[in-house]
Amino acid sequence: MKKILALLLALMLVLAGCAPAETGDNSSESEQSQQEEQNNETVEPEETEEPVEPKGVVVLYANDVHCGVDDKIGYAGVAAYKKAYEKAGYEVLLVDCGDAVQGATIGTLSQGGYIVEIMNELGYVASTVGNHEFDYGMDRFFELTDLADYDYVSANFVDKDGNRVLDAYTVVEAAGHKIAFVGVSTPETFTSSSPAYFQDENGNFIYGFCEGNDGADFYAAVQTAVDDARNDGADLVVVLSHLGTNAESAPYTSSDLIVNTNGIDVVLDGHSHSVWEGERVKNKDGEEVILSSTGTKLANLGSLTIVDGEEGVELETKLHDEALFQDEEMEAFVAGIKAQYAELAQTVVARSDVDLTIVDPTATDADGKPIRIIRSQETNLGDLCADAYRAMSGADIAFVNGGGIRTSIPAGDITYEQIISVHPFGNALCVVEATGQEILDALEMGVRNLPSENGGFLQVSGISFEIDMSVESTVETNDKGLFVKVSGARRVKNVMVGDAPIDPAATYTLASHNYMLKEGGDGINMFADNVLLQDSVLIDNQVLIKYITEHLNGVVGEEYSEPYGQGRITIVNG
């Protein structure tokens, strides 16, 4: 199996049409010219050549692609790996671990449809359901599952009666194996998508993810699906999970799942954007299960190789961080889709004199990659987005969740595509009446995971506060991750509305979007029943565009030059 990569590199030269040939130093000019002409010809396999002996199965996988159709490896690179492995004698299966359809203009403008079309063209066989597959609403979610030629699977996405909404798994036969792909979705979907999507008009939950009972119901649902797949004749069970490995996701991490189940061979994971080539985690019977995850936006492509060895089936996962080459047919297919919205996407709508950031401008992680800080501290782009909501609504205070601000904007012209990439969800501006106490609870909910990041960390306008890190969070949530109460000391202190201390008994006007104010997004549910003063008056990207063009005269200037913001949020390390 270690020879596979070398074989692929050799195939790269063949499939890309650049097979080298040696030329001697004494070759004539005409011979060299003829040789160069031959070198530029695409090498095609001869019809008479012997077929490659079948070697096994390769499952190509990725997670959290977030519309990164041509980022890093890109879907044209995925197509290249597929062809190379097939050329090498493997049956190739493509699978996805969730959060593919949202995250950039191509997803927003088509409500995920363009991404499904690309995955259909590539020949995907299965995908689990990530939290962001629901971001266009439940009706659109079901339209996307109908549009897909591949199977969306989830063992724990259920209706109010506990019945599965989708098939728990799909079984694919390849190279003599029956491989079951079992889907698993994070119960955090309630708060990392919109809780309202899973409720009826009266606010009753009509969908769920087998949450509660400290994870026992969740593990049982997955175990039932695994057992059913084995009973259907599957000799290998591969879980496509969208759970993640972050400690704050317990008891619903991928490792939690493994140690509380048996019968699973491999878990291919998503949600936390982790990079794991092939960790080994013991299940409840003490047997090792492979755990792998590719990061995000096709920075890596995973390959699970399945071959029959002398001592039984051999499994190996590997991450590829470079494309072999870009498959021309898939490049053309993606380009054709992008051309449908290119003119609109590239329209210049404003300008910035400063870099607007969601990452730390002065620090990187151990791998030299930028560190995302929008979900754990103030940034200038966070200030800008929150200011836009307050200015366009006239509210006293504005909140924008850090998880809703998705990408930085470099200094220079700002295009519509960049604005959509900042706010890809299509949320709409709303204003409610809120008490000072509700605002304090929301701020406390947003900082509960610090120093770890949290999509519900609030970027603010019209308000300032301190976070005392010497205080352990005492926020309590229910089994769906929704706010219940603060049971003890508070981290958030010295809260000022304008120049005055916040009054817990006073009523303020609060601007944000429907996800935060009406739907309990990120578990911030304390405003859902409040008096609604403005309801869905502008889409989020239009809020930002209009603020820059109408209130800043089309230019983001020096007032936003400090990347760490204007001092609205102060973190005190006690």
Protein backbone atom coordinates (compact mmCIF):
# COMPACT_ATOMS: atom_id res chain seq x y z
CA MET A 1 0.00 0.00 0.00
CA LYS A 2 2.97 2.32 0.46
CA LYS A 3 3.57 2.11 -3.30
CA ILE A 4 0.24 3.77 -4.06
CA LEU A 5 1.47 7.37 -3.85
CA ALA A 6 4.47 6.69 -6.09
CA LEU A 7 2.17 5.01 -8.58
CA LEU A 8 -0.16 8.01 -8.53
CA LEU A 9 2.70 10.39 -9.16
CA ALA A 10 3.72 8.36 -12.18
CA LEU A 11 0.14 8.33 -13.40
CA MET A 12 0.02 12.09 -12.96
CA LEU A 13 2.56 12.45 -15.74
CA VAL A 14 0.57 10.18 -18.02
CA LEU A 15 -2.87 11.62 -17.36
CA ALA A 16 -1.61 15.20 -17.51
CA GLY A 17 0.04 14.50 -20.85
CA CYS A 18 3.63 15.31 -19.87
CA ALA A 19 5.52 12.01 -19.91
CA PRO A 20 9.24 12.83 -20.11
CA ALA A 21 11.74 11.32 -22.55
CA GLU A 22 15.52 11.63 -22.41
CA THR A 23 17.53 13.42 -25.09
CA GLY A 24 21.27 13.15 -25.54
CA ASP A 25 23.55 16.17 -25.51
CA ASN A 26 24.59 15.47 -29.13
CA SER A 27 21.06 15.31 -30.55
CA SER A 28 20.50 17.38 -33.61
CA GLU A 29 18.26 20.45 -33.42
CA SER A 30 15.62 18.72 -35.57
CA GLU A 31 15.71 15.62 -33.35
CA GLN A 32 15.30 17.76 -30.25
CA SER A 33 12.41 19.63 -31.87
CA GLN A 34 10.74 16.35 -32.82
CA GLN A 35 11.28 15.03 -29.28
CA GLU A 36 9.76 18.19 -27.73
CA GLU A 37 6.74 17.84 -30.01
CA GLN A 38 6.28 14.26 -28.86
CA ASN A 39 6.64 15.32 -25.21
CA ASN A 40 3.75 17.78 -25.60
CA GLU A 41 1.36 15.13 -26.90
CA THR A 42 -1.16 13.66 -24.49
CA VAL A 43 -0.33 10.02 -23.84
CA GLU A 44 -3.41 7.80 -24.17
CA PRO A 45 -3.50 4.13 -23.19
CA GLU A 46 -3.38 1.84 -26.16
CA GLU A 47 -6.55 -0.15 -26.87
CA THR A 48 -4.51 -3.35 -26.97
CA GLU A 49 -2.79 -2.93 -23.60
CA GLU A 50 -3.64 -5.44 -20.90
CA PRO A 51 -6.18 -4.27 -18.27
CA VAL A 52 -4.78 -3.44 -14.85
CA GLU A 53 -5.38 -6.19 -12.33
CA PRO A 54 -8.03 -5.08 -9.80
CA LYS A 55 -6.37 -4.11 -6.53
CA GLY A 56 -9.18 -3.07 -4.18
CA VAL A 57 -11.27 -0.07 -3.23
CA VAL A 58 -10.33 3.54 -2.58
CA VAL A 59 -12.84 5.78 -0.80
CA LEU A 60 -12.07 9.44 -1.43
CA TYR A 61 -13.49 11.69 1.29
CA ALA A 62 -13.61 15.28 2.47
CA ASN A 63 -15.50 17.27 5.07
CA ASP A 64 -16.52 20.90 5.54
CA VAL A 65 -15.80 21.84 1.93
CA HIS A 66 -18.00 24.92 2.44
CA CYS A 67 -18.32 25.65 -1.28
CA GLY A 68 -14.53 25.55 -1.81
CA VAL A 69 -15.04 24.30 -5.35
CA ASP A 70 -11.64 25.49 -6.54
CA ASP A 71 -9.84 26.14 -3.27
CA LYS A 72 -6.55 24.26 -2.81
CA ILE A 73 -7.18 20.79 -4.30
CA GLY A 74 -10.61 21.77 -5.60
CA TYR A 75 -13.20 19.51 -7.15
CA ALA A 76 -11.18 19.31 -10.37
CA GLY A 77 -8.36 17.93 -8.24
CA VAL A 78 -10.75 15.42 -6.68
CA ALA A 79 -11.68 14.27 -10.18
CA ALA A 80 -7.98 13.87 -10.98
CA TYR A 81 -7.41 11.63 -7.95
CA LYS A 82 -10.45 9.59 -8.88
CA LYS A 83 -9.16 8.98 -12.40
CA ALA A 84 -5.63 8.22 -11.19
CA TYR A 85 -6.80 5.61 -8.70
CA GLU A 86 -9.11 4.05 -11.29
CA LYS A 87 -6.20 3.96 -13.74
CA ALA A 88 -4.17 2.16 -11.07
CA GLY A 89 -6.80 -0.57 -10.80
CA TYR A 90 -8.95 0.56 -7.86
CA GLU A 91 -12.69 0.95 -7.68
CA VAL A 92 -13.22 4.49 -6.41
CA LEU A 93 -16.09 5.73 -4.24
CA LEU A 94 -16.58 9.41 -3.41
CA VAL A 95 -18.19 10.39 -0.10
CA ASP A 96 -18.68 13.62 1.85
CA CYS A 97 -18.90 14.26 5.59
CA GLY A 98 -21.16 17.31 5.57
CA ASP A 99 -21.19 21.10 5.25
CA ALA A 100 -20.58 21.10 1.51
CA VAL A 101 -23.37 23.36 0.24
CA GLN A 102 -22.79 26.58 2.23
CA GLY A 103 -19.92 29.01 2.69
CA ALA A 104 -19.40 31.07 -0.47
CA THR A 105 -21.19 32.86 -3.28
CA ILE A 106 -21.72 29.73 -5.36
CA GLY A 107 -23.74 28.25 -2.50
CA THR A 108 -25.62 31.37 -1.48
CA LEU A 109 -26.82 32.34 -4.95
CA SER A 110 -28.06 28.81 -5.71
CA GLN A 111 -29.12 27.87 -2.16
CA GLY A 112 -26.76 24.91 -2.41
CA GLY A 113 -27.96 23.70 -5.79
CA TYR A 114 -24.75 24.34 -7.73
CA ILE A 115 -22.74 22.30 -5.23
CA VAL A 116 -25.08 19.33 -5.51
CA GLU A 117 -24.79 19.54 -9.30
CA ILE A 118 -21.00 19.40 -9.07
CA MET A 119 -21.10 16.45 -6.68
CA ASN A 120 -23.51 14.68 -9.02
CA GLU A 121 -21.13 15.24 -11.92
CA LEU A 122 -18.23 13.84 -9.90
CA GLY A 123 -20.23 10.71 -9.09
CA TYR A 124 -20.51 10.91 -5.29
CA VAL A 125 -22.21 7.90 -3.72
CA ALA A 126 -23.03 9.17 -0.22
CA SER A 127 -22.96 12.17 2.11
CA THR A 128 -23.90 12.68 5.71
CA VAL A 129 -25.90 15.74 6.76
CA GLY A 130 -23.91 18.55 8.34
CA ASN A 131 -25.47 21.38 10.30
CA HIS A 132 -25.02 23.80 7.40
CA GLU A 133 -26.94 21.59 4.98
CA PHE A 134 -30.01 23.08 6.70
CA ASP A 135 -28.99 26.73 6.28
CA TYR A 136 -31.42 27.41 3.45
CA GLY A 137 -34.41 26.11 5.41
CA MET A 138 -36.03 22.71 5.76
CA ASP A 139 -38.00 22.92 2.49
CA ARG A 140 -34.82 23.66 0.55
CA PHE A 141 -32.98 20.90 2.41
CA PHE A 142 -35.43 18.32 1.10
CA GLU A 143 -35.21 19.83 -2.39
CA LEU A 144 -31.43 19.37 -2.28
CA THR A 145 -31.73 15.75 -1.16
CA ASP A 146 -34.06 15.16 -4.11
CA LEU A 147 -31.66 16.91 -6.48
CA ALA A 148 -28.75 14.73 -5.34
CA ASP A 149 -27.96 11.57 -7.31
CA TYR A 150 -26.08 10.34 -4.23
CA ASP A 151 -27.60 9.27 -0.92
CA TYR A 152 -27.87 11.66 2.02
CA VAL A 153 -27.73 9.45 5.11
CA SER A 154 -28.20 10.07 8.82
CA ALA A 155 -28.84 7.52 11.54
CA ASN A 156 -29.91 10.07 14.14
CA PHE A 157 -31.91 12.73 12.27
CA VAL A 158 -35.46 11.90 13.36
CA ASP A 159 -38.98 13.35 13.40
CA LYS A 160 -41.03 14.10 16.50
CA ASP A 161 -42.09 10.45 16.73
CA GLY A 162 -38.49 9.23 16.66
CA ASN A 163 -38.67 7.94 13.08
CA ARG A 164 -35.64 8.48 10.87
CA VAL A 165 -36.13 11.23 8.30
CA LEU A 166 -33.50 9.79 5.94
CA ASP A 167 -31.99 6.37 5.42
CA ALA A 168 -29.46 5.62 8.15
CA TYR A 169 -26.99 4.08 5.70
CA THR A 170 -26.39 3.00 2.16
CA VAL A 171 -24.54 -0.17 1.11
CA VAL A 172 -22.22 -0.06 -1.90
CA GLU A 173 -20.66 -3.16 -3.46
CA ALA A 174 -17.11 -2.70 -4.75
CA ALA A 175 -14.18 -5.07 -5.41
CA GLY A 176 -15.94 -7.94 -3.69
CA HIS A 177 -16.85 -5.94 -0.58
CA LYS A 178 -20.19 -4.70 0.68
CA ILE A 179 -19.39 -1.36 2.31
CA ALA A 180 -22.01 0.34 4.46
CA PHE A 181 -21.77 4.12 4.75
CA VAL A 182 -23.60 5.16 7.92
CA GLY A 183 -24.43 8.84 8.34
CA VAL A 184 -24.25 10.60 11.71
CA SER A 185 -25.23 14.26 12.28
CA THR A 186 -24.26 16.45 15.21
CA PRO A 187 -26.96 17.28 17.76
CA GLU A 188 -25.28 20.70 17.85
CA THR A 189 -27.18 21.33 14.61
CA PHE A 190 -29.94 22.89 16.71
CA THR A 191 -27.72 25.79 17.63
CA SER A 192 -25.21 25.86 14.75
CA SER A 193 -28.02 26.05 12.22
CA SER A 194 -31.38 27.70 13.02
CA PRO A 195 -33.47 26.05 15.78
CA ALA A 196 -36.61 27.39 14.10
CA TYR A 197 -36.05 25.09 11.12
CA PHE A 198 -36.71 22.12 13.40
CA GLN A 199 -39.86 23.55 14.99
CA ASP A 200 -43.48 23.93 13.98
CA GLU A 201 -45.28 27.27 13.85
CA ASN A 202 -45.92 27.06 17.59
CA GLY A 203 -42.28 26.60 18.50
CA ASN A 204 -42.56 22.86 19.19
CA PHE A 205 -39.62 20.75 18.04
CA ILE A 206 -40.75 18.36 15.31
CA TYR A 207 -37.26 17.15 14.36
CA GLY A 208 -34.37 15.99 16.50
CA PHE A 209 -30.96 14.31 16.50
CA CYS A 210 -31.40 11.74 19.27
CA GLU A 211 -29.95 14.22 21.75
CA GLY A 212 -30.36 13.97 25.50
CA ASN A 213 -29.86 11.28 28.12
CA ASP A 214 -26.16 12.21 28.26
CA GLY A 215 -25.54 10.79 24.79
CA ALA A 216 -27.06 7.35 25.46
CA ASP A 217 -29.94 7.83 22.97
CA PHE A 218 -27.51 9.10 20.36
CA TYR A 219 -25.15 6.13 20.72
CA ALA A 220 -28.07 3.71 20.64
CA ALA A 221 -29.41 5.17 17.40
CA VAL A 222 -26.04 4.82 15.69
CA GLN A 223 -25.49 1.33 17.10
CA THR A 224 -28.85 0.22 15.72
CA ALA A 225 -27.89 1.52 12.28
CA VAL A 226 -24.51 -0.26 12.40
CA ASP A 227 -26.15 -3.53 13.45
CA ASP A 228 -28.78 -3.21 10.73
CA ALA A 229 -26.07 -2.61 8.13
CA ARG A 230 -24.21 -5.74 9.28
CA ASN A 231 -27.44 -7.71 9.08
CA ASP A 232 -27.88 -6.45 5.52
CA GLY A 233 -24.62 -8.16 4.64
CA ALA A 234 -22.13 -5.34 4.99
CA ASP A 235 -18.66 -6.66 5.72
CA LEU A 236 -17.26 -3.16 6.33
CA VAL A 237 -18.92 -0.25 8.13
CA VAL A 238 -17.65 3.26 7.45
CA VAL A 239 -19.29 6.05 9.42
CA LEU A 240 -19.60 9.43 7.71
CA SER A 241 -19.93 11.64 10.77
CA HIS A 242 -20.36 15.36 11.23
CA LEU A 243 -19.46 15.50 14.92
CA GLY A 244 -15.99 16.94 15.33
CA THR A 245 -13.37 16.46 18.02
CA ASN A 246 -13.75 19.64 20.10
CA ALA A 247 -14.05 18.89 23.81
CA GLU A 248 -16.99 21.28 24.19
CA SER A 249 -19.00 19.10 21.79
CA ALA A 250 -19.04 16.22 24.32
CA PRO A 251 -20.83 13.84 24.58
CA TYR A 252 -21.27 14.07 20.83
CA THR A 253 -17.69 14.00 19.52
CA SER A 254 -16.51 11.38 17.06
CA SER A 255 -14.34 9.83 19.78
CA ASP A 256 -17.34 9.69 22.13
CA LEU A 257 -19.22 7.83 19.42
CA ILE A 258 -16.45 5.29 18.90
CA VAL A 259 -15.89 4.44 22.57
CA ASN A 260 -19.63 3.90 23.10
CA THR A 261 -20.30 1.63 20.10
CA ASN A 262 -18.93 -1.42 18.32
CA GLY A 263 -18.98 -2.81 14.81
CA ILE A 264 -17.58 0.30 13.15
CA ASP A 265 -14.38 -0.05 11.12
CA VAL A 266 -13.66 3.56 10.17
CA VAL A 267 -15.04 6.97 11.13
CA LEU A 268 -14.58 9.76 8.59
CA ASP A 269 -15.40 12.93 10.49
CA GLY A 270 -16.30 16.59 10.02
CA HIS A 271 -17.68 19.66 11.83
CA SER A 272 -14.64 20.84 13.85
CA HIS A 273 -12.41 21.29 10.77
CA SER A 274 -9.86 19.01 12.41
CA VAL A 275 -7.03 17.37 10.48
CA TRP A 276 -6.48 13.72 11.41
CA GLU A 277 -4.79 11.39 8.95
CA GLY A 278 -5.53 8.17 10.79
CA GLU A 279 -5.95 8.22 14.55
CA ARG A 280 -6.73 4.93 16.31
CA VAL A 281 -9.50 5.03 18.92
CA LYS A 282 -10.65 1.95 20.82
CA ASN A 283 -14.34 1.09 20.74
CA LYS A 284 -16.30 -0.27 23.70
CA ASP A 285 -14.94 -3.77 22.98
CA GLY A 286 -11.35 -2.53 23.00
CA GLU A 287 -10.96 -2.84 19.22
CA GLU A 288 -9.22 -0.08 17.28
CA VAL A 289 -11.27 2.11 14.94
CA ILE A 290 -9.63 4.44 12.43
CA LEU A 291 -10.61 8.14 12.80
CA SER A 292 -9.78 10.58 10.03
CA SER A 293 -10.76 14.14 9.08
CA THR A 294 -9.54 16.40 6.26
CA GLY A 295 -9.88 19.95 7.64
CA THR A 296 -11.89 22.31 5.48
CA LYS A 297 -12.25 23.68 1.95
CA LEU A 298 -10.36 20.78 0.34
CA ALA A 299 -7.07 21.74 1.96
CA ASN A 300 -6.72 17.96 2.09
CA LEU A 301 -8.40 15.07 0.33
CA GLY A 302 -8.62 11.81 2.22
CA SER A 303 -8.22 8.33 0.77
CA LEU A 304 -9.34 5.18 2.55
CA THR A 305 -7.70 2.21 0.83
CA ILE A 306 -9.34 -1.20 1.22
CA VAL A 307 -7.38 -4.22 0.00
CA ASP A 308 -7.43 -7.94 0.74
CA GLY A 309 -4.20 -8.97 2.42
CA GLU A 310 -2.83 -12.30 3.55
CA GLU A 311 -4.31 -11.83 7.02
CA GLY A 312 -7.62 -10.33 5.95
CA VAL A 313 -8.86 -6.93 4.90
CA GLU A 314 -6.29 -4.13 5.23
CA LEU A 315 -7.46 -0.56 5.81
CA GLU A 316 -5.36 2.58 5.54
CA THR A 317 -6.26 6.27 5.52
CA LYS A 318 -4.07 8.96 4.01
CA LEU A 319 -4.40 12.71 3.52
CA HIS A 320 -3.28 14.32 0.26
CA ASP A 321 -2.55 18.05 0.48
CA GLU A 322 -1.73 18.73 -3.17
CA ALA A 323 -3.63 18.09 -6.36
CA LEU A 324 -2.09 15.63 -8.81
CA PHE A 325 -3.36 17.93 -11.54
CA GLN A 326 -6.64 19.65 -12.39
CA ASP A 327 -8.98 17.48 -14.41
CA GLU A 328 -9.93 19.50 -17.47
CA GLU A 329 -13.45 18.13 -17.79
CA MET A 330 -14.33 18.98 -14.20
CA GLU A 331 -12.61 22.36 -14.47
CA ALA A 332 -14.83 23.14 -17.45
CA PHE A 333 -17.94 21.95 -15.62
CA VAL A 334 -17.22 24.15 -12.59
CA ALA A 335 -16.31 27.10 -14.82
CA GLY A 336 -19.63 26.73 -16.64
CA ILE A 337 -21.52 26.99 -13.36
CA LYS A 338 -19.46 29.92 -12.11
CA ALA A 339 -20.03 31.77 -15.38
CA GLN A 340 -23.74 31.81 -14.61
CA TYR A 341 -23.23 34.25 -11.75
CA ALA A 342 -19.79 35.76 -12.45
CA GLU A 343 -20.94 39.20 -13.62
CA LEU A 344 -23.01 39.80 -10.51
CA ALA A 345 -20.40 38.34 -8.16
CA GLN A 346 -17.56 40.53 -9.45
CA THR A 347 -19.47 43.81 -9.31
CA VAL A 348 -17.55 46.32 -7.17
CA VAL A 349 -19.87 47.68 -4.49
CA ALA A 350 -17.47 49.54 -2.15
CA ARG A 351 -13.86 49.98 -1.10
CA SER A 352 -11.78 49.51 2.04
CA ASP A 353 -8.63 51.45 2.89
CA VAL A 354 -7.76 48.87 5.56
CA ASP A 355 -7.57 45.10 5.91
CA LEU A 356 -10.71 43.83 7.63
CA THR A 357 -9.99 40.60 9.43
CA ILE A 358 -11.42 37.54 11.13
CA VAL A 359 -7.94 36.15 11.91
CA ASP A 360 -5.08 37.22 14.13
CA PRO A 361 -2.83 39.45 11.98
CA THR A 362 0.27 38.81 14.07
CA ALA A 363 0.13 35.14 15.08
CA THR A 364 -0.14 31.74 13.42
CA ASP A 365 -0.67 28.22 14.68
CA ALA A 366 1.97 25.47 14.86
CA ASP A 367 1.51 24.78 11.14
CA GLY A 368 1.97 28.42 10.20
CA LYS A 369 -1.71 28.94 9.40
CA PRO A 370 -3.70 32.03 10.45
CA ILE A 371 -5.56 31.72 13.75
CA ARG A 372 -9.27 32.54 13.53
CA ILE A 373 -10.21 34.98 16.33
CA ILE A 374 -13.61 36.31 15.22
CA ARG A 375 -15.25 33.73 17.50
CA SER A 376 -13.21 34.53 20.59
CA GLN A 377 -12.36 38.26 20.59
CA GLU A 378 -13.15 41.58 18.96
CA THR A 379 -11.92 42.32 15.43
CA ASN A 380 -12.36 45.29 13.13
CA LEU A 381 -14.55 43.32 10.73
CA GLY A 382 -16.69 42.28 13.68
CA ASP A 383 -17.05 45.95 14.64
CA LEU A 384 -17.97 46.87 11.05
CA CYS A 385 -20.64 44.19 10.74
CA ALA A 386 -22.19 45.05 14.11
CA ASP A 387 -22.11 48.78 13.30
CA ALA A 388 -23.93 48.03 10.05
CA TYR A 389 -26.81 46.37 11.88
CA ARG A 390 -27.09 49.22 14.39
CA ALA A 391 -26.85 51.98 11.79
CA MET A 392 -29.32 50.43 9.36
CA SER A 393 -31.85 49.77 12.11
CA GLY A 394 -31.44 52.74 14.44
CA ALA A 395 -31.27 50.37 17.43
CA ASP A 396 -29.51 51.11 20.72
CA ILE A 397 -27.37 47.97 20.53
CA ALA A 398 -26.42 45.48 17.82
CA PHE A 399 -25.07 41.95 18.00
CA VAL A 400 -23.57 39.79 15.25
CA ASN A 401 -22.49 36.24 16.08
CA GLY A 402 -18.85 35.54 15.23
CA GLY A 403 -19.86 32.35 13.44
CA GLY A 404 -21.87 34.45 10.98
CA ILE A 405 -18.79 36.41 9.83
CA ARG A 406 -16.97 33.96 7.62
CA THR A 407 -14.03 35.56 5.82
CA SER A 408 -11.69 38.56 5.85
CA ILE A 409 -11.72 41.41 3.33
CA PRO A 410 -8.35 42.76 2.17
CA ALA A 411 -7.82 46.46 1.52
CA GLY A 412 -8.96 47.52 -1.94
CA ASP A 413 -12.13 47.21 -3.98
CA ILE A 414 -14.90 45.18 -2.36
CA THR A 415 -16.99 43.00 -4.64
CA TYR A 416 -20.44 41.57 -4.12
CA GLU A 417 -18.84 38.12 -3.93
CA GLN A 418 -16.66 39.24 -1.02
CA ILE A 419 -19.64 40.64 0.86
CA ILE A 420 -21.59 37.41 0.36
CA SER A 421 -18.56 35.43 1.52
CA VAL A 422 -18.56 37.47 4.74
CA HIS A 423 -22.31 36.88 5.26
CA PRO A 424 -23.22 33.74 3.23
CA PHE A 425 -26.28 32.67 5.22
CA GLY A 426 -28.94 34.99 3.87
CA ASN A 427 -30.09 36.05 7.34
CA ALA A 428 -32.24 39.17 7.63
CA LEU A 429 -32.05 42.22 9.91
CA CYS A 430 -34.50 42.25 12.81
CA VAL A 431 -34.98 44.49 15.85
CA VAL A 432 -36.52 43.50 19.18
CA GLU A 433 -37.17 45.08 22.53
CA ALA A 434 -34.87 43.46 25.10
CA THR A 435 -34.25 43.95 28.78
CA GLY A 436 -30.80 44.67 30.10
CA GLN A 437 -30.89 41.31 31.86
CA GLU A 438 -31.58 39.45 28.61
CA ILE A 439 -28.68 41.27 26.98
CA LEU A 440 -26.40 40.34 29.87
CA ASP A 441 -27.47 36.69 29.56
CA ALA A 442 -26.75 36.71 25.82
CA LEU A 443 -23.27 38.11 26.36
CA GLU A 444 -22.61 35.50 29.03
CA MET A 445 -23.81 32.72 26.72
CA GLY A 446 -21.47 33.96 24.00
CA VAL A 447 -18.31 33.82 26.17
CA ARG A 448 -18.99 30.53 27.94
CA ASN A 449 -16.45 28.52 25.90
CA LEU A 450 -13.52 30.92 26.10
CA PRO A 451 -10.63 30.52 25.56
CA SER A 452 -11.99 28.04 23.01
CA GLU A 453 -13.84 29.64 20.14
CA ASN A 454 -17.62 29.69 19.89
CA GLY A 455 -19.79 30.60 16.91
CA GLY A 456 -22.09 32.42 19.34
CA PHE A 457 -19.37 34.81 20.52
CA LEU A 458 -20.94 38.23 19.98
CA GLN A 459 -19.37 41.08 18.05
CA VAL A 460 -21.10 44.22 19.30
CA SER A 461 -22.02 47.82 18.58
CA GLY A 462 -23.37 50.43 21.00
CA ILE A 463 -22.16 48.43 23.97
CA SER A 464 -18.85 47.54 25.63
CA PHE A 465 -17.85 45.03 28.29
CA GLU A 466 -15.06 43.09 29.99
CA ILE A 467 -14.59 39.32 30.16
CA ASP A 468 -13.04 38.08 33.39
CA MET A 469 -11.21 34.86 32.50
CA SER A 470 -10.54 34.07 36.16
CA VAL A 471 -14.23 33.12 36.43
CA GLU A 472 -15.32 29.70 35.23
CA SER A 473 -18.48 29.83 33.13
CA THR A 474 -21.65 28.94 35.02
CA VAL A 475 -23.94 29.03 31.99
CA GLU A 476 -26.40 26.13 31.93
CA THR A 477 -27.93 24.83 28.70
CA ASN A 478 -30.49 22.14 27.95
CA ASP A 479 -29.90 18.97 25.93
CA LYS A 480 -30.35 20.92 22.71
CA GLY A 481 -27.68 23.45 23.66
CA LEU A 482 -30.18 26.25 24.33
CA PHE A 483 -29.64 28.75 27.13
CA VAL A 484 -31.33 27.94 30.45
CA LYS A 485 -29.71 30.18 33.06
CA VAL A 486 -26.53 31.47 34.66
CA SER A 487 -26.27 29.58 37.92
CA GLY A 488 -23.33 31.36 39.54
CA ALA A 489 -20.65 33.98 38.99
CA ARG A 490 -20.53 35.82 35.70
CA ARG A 491 -17.59 36.36 33.39
CA VAL A 492 -19.08 39.45 31.72
CA LYS A 493 -18.53 42.60 33.77
CA ASN A 494 -18.54 46.40 33.52
CA VAL A 495 -21.11 46.47 30.73
CA MET A 496 -21.74 49.92 29.29
CA VAL A 497 -24.46 50.98 26.86
CA GLY A 498 -22.96 54.05 25.32
CA ASP A 499 -21.55 55.98 28.28
CA ALA A 500 -23.91 54.54 30.92
CA PRO A 501 -23.82 51.25 32.85
CA ILE A 502 -26.38 48.77 31.59
CA ASP A 503 -29.60 48.64 33.62
CA PRO A 504 -30.87 45.04 33.91
CA ALA A 505 -34.43 46.31 34.41
CA ALA A 506 -34.41 48.76 31.50
CA THR A 507 -35.65 48.05 28.00
CA TYR A 508 -33.36 48.59 25.00
CA THR A 509 -33.77 48.15 21.27
CA LEU A 510 -31.53 45.38 19.98
CA ALA A 511 -30.63 44.72 16.33
CA SER A 512 -29.31 41.50 14.89
CA HIS A 513 -30.72 39.00 12.42
CA ASN A 514 -33.47 36.40 12.44
CA TYR A 515 -31.03 33.60 13.33
CA MET A 516 -30.07 35.29 16.57
CA LEU A 517 -33.27 37.09 17.58
CA LYS A 518 -36.10 34.87 16.34
CA GLU A 519 -34.64 31.40 15.92
CA GLY A 520 -32.41 30.89 18.96
CA GLY A 521 -29.25 30.55 16.89
CA ASP A 522 -26.13 29.44 18.80
CA GLY A 523 -28.45 28.65 21.70
CA ILE A 524 -29.14 32.35 22.33
CA ASN A 525 -32.88 31.92 22.78
CA MET A 526 -33.74 34.64 25.31
CA PHE A 527 -35.10 37.02 22.64
CA ALA A 528 -37.37 34.60 20.76
CA ASP A 529 -40.61 35.79 22.43
CA ASN A 530 -39.75 39.48 22.62
CA VAL A 531 -41.65 42.33 20.98
CA LEU A 532 -40.50 42.40 17.36
CA LEU A 533 -40.08 45.97 16.12
CA GLN A 534 -38.55 45.24 12.71
CA ASP A 535 -38.91 41.86 11.03
CA SER A 536 -36.54 40.70 8.28
CA VAL A 537 -36.16 44.09 6.63
CA LEU A 538 -32.81 43.54 4.83
CA ILE A 539 -30.69 40.50 3.93
CA ASP A 540 -27.41 40.44 5.87
CA ASN A 541 -25.14 41.14 2.90
CA GLN A 542 -27.34 44.07 1.90
CA VAL A 543 -27.08 45.44 5.44
CA LEU A 544 -23.30 45.51 5.11
CA ILE A 545 -23.30 46.92 1.57
CA LYS A 546 -25.76 49.69 2.40
CA TYR A 547 -23.91 50.66 5.56
CA ILE A 548 -20.62 51.06 3.71
CA THR A 549 -22.13 52.85 0.72
CA GLU A 550 -24.67 55.06 2.52
CA HIS A 551 -23.13 55.71 5.95
CA LEU A 552 -19.42 55.49 5.10
CA ASN A 553 -19.73 57.06 1.62
CA GLY A 554 -18.54 53.87 -0.01
CA VAL A 555 -15.20 53.62 1.81
CA VAL A 556 -14.21 51.78 4.99
CA GLY A 557 -11.68 54.16 6.50
CA GLU A 558 -9.18 54.65 9.29
CA GLU A 559 -11.75 54.30 12.08
CA TYR A 560 -11.58 50.56 11.39
CA SER A 561 -7.81 50.37 10.95
CA GLU A 562 -7.05 48.56 14.24
CA PRO A 563 -7.41 44.82 13.46
CA TYR A 564 -8.29 44.02 17.07
CA GLY A 565 -11.17 46.48 17.01
CA GLN A 566 -12.06 49.67 18.83
CA GLY A 567 -11.84 48.38 22.39
CA ARG A 568 -15.45 47.34 22.84
CA ILE A 569 -14.55 43.93 24.28
CA THR A 570 -11.73 43.68 26.82
CA ILE A 571 -10.47 40.27 27.93
CA VAL A 572 -9.03 40.32 31.44
CA ASN A 573 -6.80 37.36 32.23
CA GLY A 574 -7.30 36.81 35.93
